Protein backbone atom coordinates (compact mmCIF):
# COMPACT_ATOMS: atom_id res chain seq x y z
CA MET A 1 -88.92 96.89 -46.85
CA GLY A 2 -85.08 96.40 -46.65
CA THR A 3 -83.24 97.53 -43.67
CA ARG A 4 -80.71 100.34 -44.28
CA ILE A 5 -77.29 99.51 -43.35
CA GLN A 6 -75.70 102.39 -40.92
CA SER A 7 -72.50 103.75 -42.25
CA HIS A 8 -70.18 106.50 -41.51
CA GLN A 9 -67.16 108.47 -42.99
CA LEU A 10 -63.75 108.44 -41.76
CA LYS A 11 -61.36 111.47 -41.66
CA SER A 12 -59.59 109.89 -44.85
CA GLY A 13 -62.70 110.13 -46.72
CA LEU A 14 -63.24 106.45 -46.81
CA VAL A 15 -66.84 105.29 -46.05
CA VAL A 16 -67.25 102.26 -43.87
CA SER A 17 -70.09 100.44 -42.33
CA GLY A 18 -71.08 100.63 -38.76
CA LEU A 19 -71.33 103.48 -36.16
CA PRO A 20 -68.52 105.62 -35.14
CA GLY A 21 -66.30 104.06 -32.45
CA GLN A 22 -67.74 100.49 -32.97
CA GLN A 23 -64.16 99.60 -34.29
CA GLN A 24 -62.47 100.23 -31.06
CA LYS A 25 -65.15 98.58 -28.91
CA GLU A 26 -65.19 95.19 -31.22
CA LYS A 27 -61.54 95.11 -31.64
CA GLN A 28 -60.04 91.35 -32.00
CA PRO A 29 -57.93 90.12 -29.28
CA THR A 30 -54.04 89.78 -30.15
CA MET A 31 -52.23 86.63 -29.54
CA ALA A 32 -48.95 86.78 -27.86
CA SER A 33 -46.03 85.30 -29.98
CA ARG A 34 -43.18 83.51 -28.26
CA ALA A 35 -40.14 81.55 -29.61
CA VAL A 36 -40.93 77.83 -29.94
CA PRO A 37 -38.11 75.74 -28.52
CA TYR A 38 -36.20 73.32 -30.60
CA ILE A 39 -37.15 70.08 -29.41
CA GLY A 40 -34.65 68.01 -31.71
CA GLY A 41 -37.20 65.31 -32.23
CA ASP A 42 -37.48 64.41 -28.52
CA ILE A 43 -41.11 64.03 -27.77
CA LYS A 44 -40.69 64.49 -23.81
CA LYS A 45 -39.77 68.04 -24.70
CA SER A 46 -42.58 68.72 -26.90
CA GLY A 47 -44.77 69.86 -24.13
CA GLU A 48 -48.49 69.39 -24.88
CA LEU A 49 -47.89 66.64 -27.51
CA GLY A 50 -46.22 64.55 -24.98
CA LYS A 51 -49.16 64.77 -22.61
CA MET A 52 -51.39 63.39 -25.57
CA PHE A 53 -49.51 60.22 -25.35
CA ASP A 54 -49.19 60.16 -21.42
CA ILE A 55 -45.24 60.67 -21.60
CA PRO A 56 -43.92 62.80 -18.81
CA ALA A 57 -42.36 65.71 -19.75
CA ALA A 58 -38.76 66.42 -19.29
CA VAL A 59 -37.48 68.94 -16.65
CA ASP A 60 -34.79 71.53 -17.96
CA PRO A 61 -31.96 72.29 -15.45
CA PRO A 62 -32.33 75.81 -13.95
CA LYS A 63 -30.58 78.31 -16.16
CA GLN A 64 -27.48 80.22 -14.68
CA PRO A 65 -27.19 83.81 -15.52
CA PRO A 66 -24.28 84.24 -17.92
CA SER A 67 -21.10 85.36 -16.76
CA ARG A 68 -19.28 88.64 -17.79
CA ALA A 69 -16.33 86.87 -19.58
CA SER A 70 -18.75 84.51 -21.68
CA THR A 71 -20.89 87.81 -22.49
CA SER A 72 -18.02 89.80 -23.70
CA SER A 73 -16.54 87.15 -25.83
CA SER A 74 -19.65 86.08 -27.35
CA GLY A 75 -19.03 87.95 -30.48
CA SER A 76 -15.88 86.30 -31.39
CA MET A 77 -17.24 82.71 -31.16
CA ARG A 78 -17.17 81.08 -34.38
CA ASN A 79 -18.25 77.70 -35.48
CA SER A 80 -16.03 75.66 -37.95
CA SER A 81 -18.82 74.58 -39.91
CA SER A 82 -21.42 77.28 -40.11
CA GLY A 83 -19.52 80.58 -39.56
CA PRO A 84 -19.57 83.28 -36.86
CA MET A 85 -22.50 83.02 -34.30
CA ARG A 86 -24.62 86.28 -34.43
CA ASN A 87 -26.54 87.39 -31.35
CA SER A 88 -29.58 89.27 -32.60
CA SER A 89 -31.08 91.98 -30.46
CA SER A 90 -34.68 91.70 -32.30
CA GLY A 91 -35.83 88.86 -30.28
CA PRO A 92 -34.91 86.41 -27.62
CA MET A 93 -32.04 83.98 -28.28
CA ARG A 94 -33.32 80.46 -28.92
CA ASN A 95 -32.03 77.63 -26.68
CA SER A 96 -31.40 74.43 -28.73
CA SER A 97 -32.22 71.81 -26.07
CA GLY A 98 -31.95 68.81 -28.53
CA PRO A 99 -28.88 66.85 -29.74
CA LEU A 100 -25.93 68.67 -31.34
CA ASN A 101 -25.79 69.29 -34.88
CA VAL A 102 -22.70 68.37 -36.61
CA ALA A 103 -21.45 68.89 -40.21
CA LEU A 104 -20.10 65.82 -41.74
CA PRO A 105 -17.24 65.93 -44.40
CA THR A 106 -20.03 65.25 -47.02
CA GLY A 107 -21.64 68.53 -45.91
CA LEU A 108 -24.78 66.68 -44.58
CA PHE A 109 -26.01 67.86 -41.06
CA THR A 110 -26.86 65.26 -38.60
CA SER A 111 -27.63 65.23 -34.99
CA GLY A 112 -25.17 63.83 -32.33
CA PRO A 113 -21.38 63.81 -32.38
CA LEU A 114 -19.29 62.78 -35.16
CA GLY A 115 -19.15 58.99 -35.30
CA SER A 116 -21.92 58.45 -32.76
CA GLY A 117 -24.65 56.89 -35.34
CA PRO A 118 -23.97 54.50 -38.09
CA LEU A 119 -23.29 57.03 -40.85
CA GLY A 120 -20.67 58.65 -38.73
CA SER A 121 -18.99 55.31 -37.76
CA GLY A 122 -18.66 54.55 -41.32
CA LEU A 123 -17.08 57.53 -42.30
CA GLN A 124 -14.33 57.26 -39.55
CA LYS A 125 -13.38 54.14 -41.28
CA ARG A 126 -11.17 54.28 -44.63
CA SER A 127 -12.84 52.85 -47.74
CA GLY A 128 -9.67 50.96 -48.77
CA GLN A 129 -9.28 47.38 -49.84
CA LEU A 130 -7.97 46.02 -46.73
CA ASP A 131 -9.17 46.82 -43.12
CA ASN A 132 -6.55 47.19 -40.26
CA SER A 133 -8.14 44.30 -38.51
CA ALA A 134 -7.63 41.90 -41.30
CA VAL A 135 -3.99 42.55 -42.14
CA GLY A 136 -1.88 39.12 -42.18
CA SER A 137 0.06 38.56 -38.96
CA GLY A 138 3.68 39.04 -39.29
CA THR A 139 6.45 38.01 -37.02
CA GLY A 140 5.64 40.09 -34.18
CA SER A 141 2.12 41.44 -34.74
CA ALA A 142 -0.94 39.83 -33.68
CA SER A 143 -3.69 40.01 -36.26
CA SER A 144 -6.06 38.02 -38.32
CA LYS A 145 -5.87 36.65 -41.66
CA ALA A 146 -5.46 38.97 -44.78
CA LEU A 147 -9.04 39.34 -46.49
CA TYR A 148 -8.99 41.29 -50.02
CA GLY A 149 -11.89 42.43 -52.13
CA SER A 150 -12.75 41.19 -55.69
CA ALA A 151 -10.33 43.41 -57.13
CA VAL A 152 -7.41 41.17 -56.12
CA THR A 153 -7.12 37.76 -57.83
CA SER A 154 -6.88 34.81 -55.59
CA LEU A 155 -4.78 31.97 -57.05
CA ALA A 156 -6.01 28.74 -55.29
CA ASP A 157 -4.16 26.24 -57.38
CA ASP A 158 -0.57 25.80 -58.65
CA VAL A 159 0.31 26.61 -62.38
CA LYS A 160 -0.66 24.02 -64.60
CA VAL A 161 1.41 23.00 -67.46
CA GLY A 162 0.16 20.51 -69.97
CA LEU A 163 1.40 18.61 -72.92
CA ARG A 164 -0.51 20.29 -76.35
CA ILE A 165 -0.70 17.22 -78.32
CA SER A 166 -3.51 16.55 -80.93
CA ARG A 167 -6.11 13.64 -80.12
CA PRO A 168 -5.36 12.04 -83.64
CA VAL A 169 -1.82 11.69 -82.72
CA VAL A 170 -2.50 10.09 -79.20
CA TRP A 171 -4.76 7.61 -80.73
CA VAL A 172 -2.60 6.61 -83.54
CA VAL A 173 0.40 5.90 -81.03
CA MET A 174 -1.94 4.12 -78.91
CA VAL A 175 -3.02 1.77 -81.78
CA VAL A 176 0.41 1.20 -82.94
CA VAL A 177 1.51 0.33 -79.26
CA VAL A 178 -1.50 -2.30 -78.83
CA MET A 179 -0.65 -3.82 -82.29
CA GLY A 180 2.93 -4.14 -81.74
CA LEU A 181 2.18 -5.84 -78.38
CA LEU A 182 -0.32 -8.39 -79.91
CA VAL A 183 2.04 -9.18 -82.74
CA GLY A 184 5.06 -9.45 -80.71
CA ALA A 185 3.10 -11.75 -78.39
CA PHE A 186 2.08 -13.97 -81.36
CA LEU A 187 5.28 -14.41 -82.99
CA MET A 188 6.91 -15.34 -79.86
CA VAL A 189 4.43 -18.12 -79.16
CA ALA A 190 4.65 -19.40 -82.87
CA VAL A 191 8.42 -18.83 -83.49
CA LYS A 192 9.33 -19.41 -79.94
CA LYS A 193 12.31 -16.83 -80.02
CA ALA A 194 12.85 -13.90 -77.57
CA VAL A 195 14.58 -11.94 -80.34
CA ILE A 196 10.86 -10.58 -81.59
CA LEU A 197 10.01 -9.70 -77.94
CA VAL A 198 13.39 -7.85 -77.77
CA ALA A 199 12.42 -5.97 -80.83
CA VAL A 200 9.01 -5.09 -79.70
CA GLY A 201 10.43 -3.73 -76.23
CA ALA A 202 13.25 -1.59 -78.15
CA VAL A 203 10.37 0.12 -79.93
CA LEU A 204 8.05 0.64 -77.09
CA VAL A 205 10.68 1.77 -74.26
CA PRO A 206 11.69 4.88 -75.92
CA LEU A 207 8.04 5.98 -76.17
CA PHE A 208 7.55 5.45 -72.47
CA VAL A 209 10.80 7.03 -71.58
CA GLY A 210 10.23 10.19 -73.61
CA LEU A 211 6.68 10.60 -72.01
CA ILE A 212 8.39 10.25 -68.42
CA TRP A 213 10.82 12.87 -69.58
CA ASN A 214 8.40 15.19 -70.74
CA CYS A 215 6.30 15.06 -67.50
CA ALA A 216 9.29 15.66 -65.53
CA TRP A 217 10.92 18.35 -67.51
CA GLY A 218 7.78 20.01 -68.86
CA ARG A 219 7.83 23.03 -66.14
CA ARG A 220 11.64 23.71 -66.87
CA GLY A 221 10.99 23.50 -70.65
CA LEU A 222 8.40 26.40 -70.31
CA LEU A 223 10.61 28.43 -68.39
CA GLY A 224 13.27 28.08 -70.92
CA PHE A 225 10.87 29.07 -73.58
CA VAL A 226 9.90 32.12 -71.65
CA ARG A 227 13.61 33.18 -71.03
CA ARG A 228 14.46 32.67 -74.74
CA TYR A 229 11.38 34.59 -75.97
CA PRO A 230 12.33 37.74 -77.16
CA ASP A 231 11.36 41.05 -75.64
CA THR A 232 8.77 43.38 -77.40
CA GLU A 233 8.95 47.24 -77.67
CA LEU A 234 5.89 48.60 -76.39
CA ARG A 235 6.10 51.68 -78.59
CA GLY A 236 5.40 49.71 -81.83
CA ALA A 237 3.23 46.88 -80.52
CA ILE A 238 -0.06 46.81 -82.16
CA ASP A 239 -3.39 45.96 -80.55
CA GLY A 240 -4.08 42.23 -80.12
CA GLN A 241 -0.29 41.27 -80.38
CA TYR A 242 1.16 38.59 -77.88
CA VAL A 243 4.14 40.16 -76.32
CA LYS A 244 6.92 39.70 -73.86
CA VAL A 245 7.89 42.96 -71.70
CA THR A 246 10.57 43.18 -69.15
CA GLY A 247 10.74 46.27 -66.85
CA VAL A 248 10.37 47.61 -63.28
CA VAL A 249 7.01 47.19 -61.64
CA THR A 250 4.93 49.63 -59.42
CA CYS A 251 1.96 48.96 -57.67
CA GLY A 252 -1.55 49.77 -58.76
CA SER A 253 -4.20 51.06 -56.77
CA ILE A 254 -4.20 48.14 -54.36
CA PRO A 255 -0.65 47.15 -52.93
CA LEU A 256 -0.36 43.77 -51.46
CA GLU A 257 1.49 42.62 -48.07
CA SER A 258 2.88 39.28 -47.47
CA SER A 259 1.26 37.61 -44.69
CA TYR A 260 4.04 36.55 -42.31
CA GLN A 261 6.91 38.63 -43.13
CA SER A 262 4.48 41.81 -43.52
CA ILE A 263 6.62 42.76 -46.72
CA SER A 264 4.60 45.87 -47.93
CA ARG A 265 4.05 47.34 -51.49
CA CYS A 266 3.92 44.18 -53.38
CA VAL A 267 2.06 43.21 -56.58
CA TYR A 268 2.12 39.57 -55.92
CA VAL A 269 2.42 37.55 -52.53
CA SER A 270 2.40 33.67 -51.77
CA SER A 271 2.45 31.76 -48.47
CA GLU A 272 2.70 28.01 -48.73
CA LEU A 273 2.89 25.77 -45.52
CA TYR A 274 4.38 22.21 -46.27
CA GLU A 275 4.41 19.26 -43.95
CA TYR A 276 6.69 16.22 -43.90
CA ARG A 277 5.14 12.75 -43.62
CA GLY A 278 7.36 10.16 -42.22
CA LEU A 279 6.49 6.50 -41.54
CA GLY A 280 3.62 7.05 -39.13
CA GLY A 281 2.91 10.71 -39.82
CA LYS A 282 0.01 12.59 -40.75
CA SER A 283 -0.80 13.50 -44.56
CA ALA A 284 -1.19 17.03 -45.51
CA HIS A 285 -3.74 16.02 -48.19
CA ALA A 286 -5.22 12.98 -49.91
CA LYS A 287 -2.44 12.30 -52.21
CA HIS A 288 0.45 12.76 -49.84
CA CYS A 289 2.92 10.02 -50.04
CA PHE A 290 5.21 8.78 -47.36
CA PHE A 291 8.72 10.30 -46.81
CA SER A 292 7.85 13.51 -48.67
CA TRP A 293 6.74 17.02 -48.27
CA GLY A 294 2.98 17.71 -48.94
CA LEU A 295 1.27 21.10 -49.40
CA ARG A 296 -1.00 21.68 -46.58
CA HIS A 297 -2.21 25.36 -46.90
CA SER A 298 -1.47 27.91 -49.73
CA GLU A 299 -2.42 31.81 -50.11
CA LYS A 300 -1.31 33.49 -53.41
CA PHE A 301 -2.87 36.79 -54.41
CA VAL A 302 -2.02 39.07 -57.44
CA ALA A 303 -3.53 42.58 -58.32
CA ASP A 304 -3.21 45.07 -61.15
CA PHE A 305 0.11 46.99 -61.44
CA TYR A 306 2.22 49.00 -63.91
CA ILE A 307 5.36 47.86 -65.81
CA SER A 308 7.72 50.15 -67.39
CA ASP A 309 9.42 48.89 -70.48
CA PHE A 310 12.96 48.97 -70.52
CA GLN A 311 13.43 49.50 -74.38
CA SER A 312 10.78 52.32 -74.91
CA GLY A 313 10.20 53.73 -71.24
CA LEU A 314 6.52 53.29 -71.73
CA ARG A 315 4.43 52.28 -68.78
CA ALA A 316 1.41 49.73 -69.27
CA LEU A 317 -0.92 48.58 -67.01
CA VAL A 318 -1.08 44.84 -66.47
CA LYS A 319 -4.55 43.47 -65.74
CA ALA A 320 -3.93 40.82 -63.20
CA GLY A 321 -6.74 41.35 -60.99
CA TYR A 322 -10.61 40.96 -60.69
CA GLY A 323 -10.11 37.11 -61.11
CA ALA A 324 -7.79 37.15 -64.19
CA LYS A 325 -5.99 33.79 -65.16
CA VAL A 326 -2.34 34.40 -64.18
CA ALA A 327 0.56 31.95 -64.40
CA PRO A 328 3.34 33.18 -61.69
CA PHE A 329 6.67 31.62 -61.81
CA VAL A 330 8.11 32.97 -58.79
CA LYS A 331 10.24 30.68 -56.47
CA PRO A 332 9.46 31.02 -52.82
CA ALA A 333 11.89 31.08 -50.11
CA THR A 334 11.84 29.21 -46.80
CA VAL A 335 11.12 31.61 -43.83
CA VAL A 336 10.29 29.15 -41.09
CA ASP A 337 11.44 25.76 -40.69
CA ILE A 338 9.65 24.10 -37.56
CA LYS A 339 10.50 20.60 -35.79
CA LYS A 340 9.36 19.11 -32.72
CA GLU A 341 12.31 20.81 -30.59
CA ASN A 342 11.81 24.29 -31.67
CA LYS A 343 7.97 24.37 -31.97
CA ASP A 344 7.55 26.82 -28.93
CA MET A 345 10.55 29.04 -30.17
CA SER A 346 8.39 30.71 -32.83
CA PRO A 347 5.12 32.39 -31.27
CA GLY A 348 4.53 34.27 -34.58
CA PHE A 349 4.23 31.20 -36.42
CA LEU A 350 2.01 29.78 -34.16
CA ARG A 351 -0.17 32.89 -34.19
CA TRP A 352 -0.29 32.58 -37.95
CA LEU A 353 -1.37 29.27 -37.79
CA ALA A 354 -4.11 29.92 -35.24
CA ASP A 355 -5.49 32.81 -37.54
CA ARG A 356 -5.94 30.10 -40.44
CA ASN A 357 -7.52 27.48 -37.95
CA LEU A 358 -4.55 25.27 -38.59
CA SER A 359 -3.48 22.68 -35.86
CA SER A 360 0.11 23.23 -34.45
CA ASP A 361 0.47 19.78 -33.19
CA ASP A 362 3.89 17.69 -33.37
CA ARG A 363 4.39 17.90 -37.08
CA VAL A 364 7.53 18.96 -38.98
CA MET A 365 6.49 22.04 -41.12
CA ARG A 366 7.95 24.47 -43.54
CA LEU A 367 6.66 27.92 -44.40
CA LYS A 368 7.66 29.38 -47.69
CA GLU A 369 6.85 32.82 -49.13
CA GLY A 370 7.22 34.43 -52.41
CA TYR A 371 6.51 37.92 -53.40
CA ILE A 372 7.12 40.59 -56.17
CA LYS A 373 7.87 43.78 -54.61
CA GLU A 374 7.50 47.23 -56.19
CA GLY A 375 10.72 48.21 -57.96
CA SER A 376 11.53 44.52 -58.90
CA THR A 377 12.44 43.47 -62.61
CA ILE A 378 10.10 41.14 -64.14
CA SER A 379 9.06 39.77 -67.40
CA VAL A 380 5.13 39.77 -68.11
CA MET A 381 3.92 37.75 -71.36
CA GLY A 382 0.33 38.86 -72.44
CA VAL A 383 -1.80 40.51 -75.17
CA VAL A 384 -1.55 44.19 -75.93
CA ARG A 385 -4.80 46.20 -75.64
CA ARG A 386 -5.27 49.93 -76.25
CA HIS A 387 -8.18 51.66 -75.02
CA ASP A 388 -8.69 55.50 -74.99
CA ASN A 389 -4.80 56.15 -75.31
CA VAL A 390 -4.19 53.60 -72.13
CA LEU A 391 -1.94 50.79 -72.96
CA MET A 392 -2.74 47.51 -71.17
CA ILE A 393 -1.60 43.79 -71.12
CA VAL A 394 -4.31 41.61 -70.59
CA PRO A 395 -4.34 37.72 -70.43
CA PRO A 396 -4.57 35.93 -73.67
CA GLN A 397 -8.00 33.99 -74.59
CA GLU A 398 -6.25 30.82 -75.78
CA PRO A 399 -3.58 28.84 -73.96
CA VAL A 400 0.02 29.86 -75.05
CA SER A 401 1.98 26.66 -76.62
CA THR A 402 5.87 26.37 -76.66
CA GLY A 403 6.05 24.23 -79.74
CA CYS A 404 8.35 21.22 -80.19
CA GLN A 405 11.59 21.43 -78.58
CA TRP A 406 13.56 18.64 -80.51
CA PHE A 407 17.03 19.31 -79.25
CA ARG A 408 15.64 18.89 -75.50
CA CYS A 409 13.40 16.02 -76.53
CA LEU A 410 10.23 17.86 -75.24
CA LEU A 411 6.72 17.93 -76.69
CA PRO A 412 4.60 21.10 -77.00
CA SER A 413 3.54 22.40 -73.51
CA TYR A 414 1.09 25.17 -72.97
CA VAL A 415 0.06 27.26 -70.14
CA GLU A 416 -3.03 29.50 -69.52
CA GLY A 417 -3.32 33.35 -68.69
CA LEU A 418 -0.46 36.14 -67.85
CA VAL A 419 2.84 34.47 -67.51
CA LEU A 420 4.88 36.23 -64.86
CA THR A 421 8.60 35.68 -64.25
CA CYS A 422 10.81 37.01 -61.67
CA ASP A 423 14.49 36.30 -60.70
CA ASP A 424 15.36 34.35 -57.59
CA ASN A 425 17.48 37.22 -55.89
CA GLN A 426 14.53 39.63 -55.52
CA ASN A 427 16.01 41.81 -52.87
CA ALA A 428 19.19 42.65 -54.83
CA ASP A 429 17.51 43.77 -57.86
CA VAL A 430 14.86 46.14 -56.31
CA VAL A 431 14.96 49.64 -57.90
CA PRO A 432 13.68 52.51 -55.58
CA VAL A 433 10.50 53.93 -57.04
């Protein structure tokens, strides 16, 4: 027979189990609530958790009662990143014993002062293309070699100008020369007259003279071809057309600076160190001849820039950076001429050599620098490209040929990439932009 469960009725009319007064006797104990301190990730300040790992707890310094001045001004204290600080009277104010929380410019909250960690230290440096510690050394500044990123094209070699002659023509000329020499030698032995040898020489000598003439004047012939090439108006240029544009240049997103003179806001810079080799001097390179100047060190950089057409006034982006093929024809000027007598009189030049790990022993050296400064007037030859209303001039895919110049006795020569030409008097024609 089941046991009857005792119950009673409350004043509100609710029937509950148990005898009257039992609820007060068996009341569950309440747990006291207190504010949990913020430890900031430090296990020494965690209390019981630190004891589990045998880590001694950190002892907080004794608290000092707040002064009257600080209490009265607590309502006006403001944090620059989180707004005014509010003191609530509903509970005790929580004391943050951990590291200081700082809001970064990106909106991320981190512990510790700004710049203390790897993230903060990276935010303090600008994300430009050139660090301050990597700027080229000038005449009075002591800094290391300039280091640019992939957006700047480094031109290691000089501009290569070659003869554009088809191979069948070259083979025909060589066969004719060999046949002429054999026939001339046979007739001279058989007839025993020197007239035949003179006739053969009269045919072969002009060929060799013409070849030497083209090798010596090929570069000047190319520059003459560039100067005589007519300027193209960008307004009427079509996509894929090979043009020549003359105008004023302005820097793109990455301006350049010359390494020795520290000339800023340039679109092209070059530094070339030459050495003179006497009878017993040291050679600058493997092919350096005696009693001549040899190139020992070269630095040439070019980046994307803008050019404003003189005829139409339009501005085009010249894609010369990111490893593009560029053929600059800029005549450098001598900035330092060092001999044995005046070597110690130029500490800036010695520092420039030390930054590039170049020896400064008893050598006759000459430093030349060339540049195209912002505001200079230059001529650019390339292919027009239009993309999303952006007018660009890019390097051609095929080498550009000059054609035969009969009046100058020059064979066709070619050059690869964008062609840049600038006047010799660079400082005189600079337009302020």
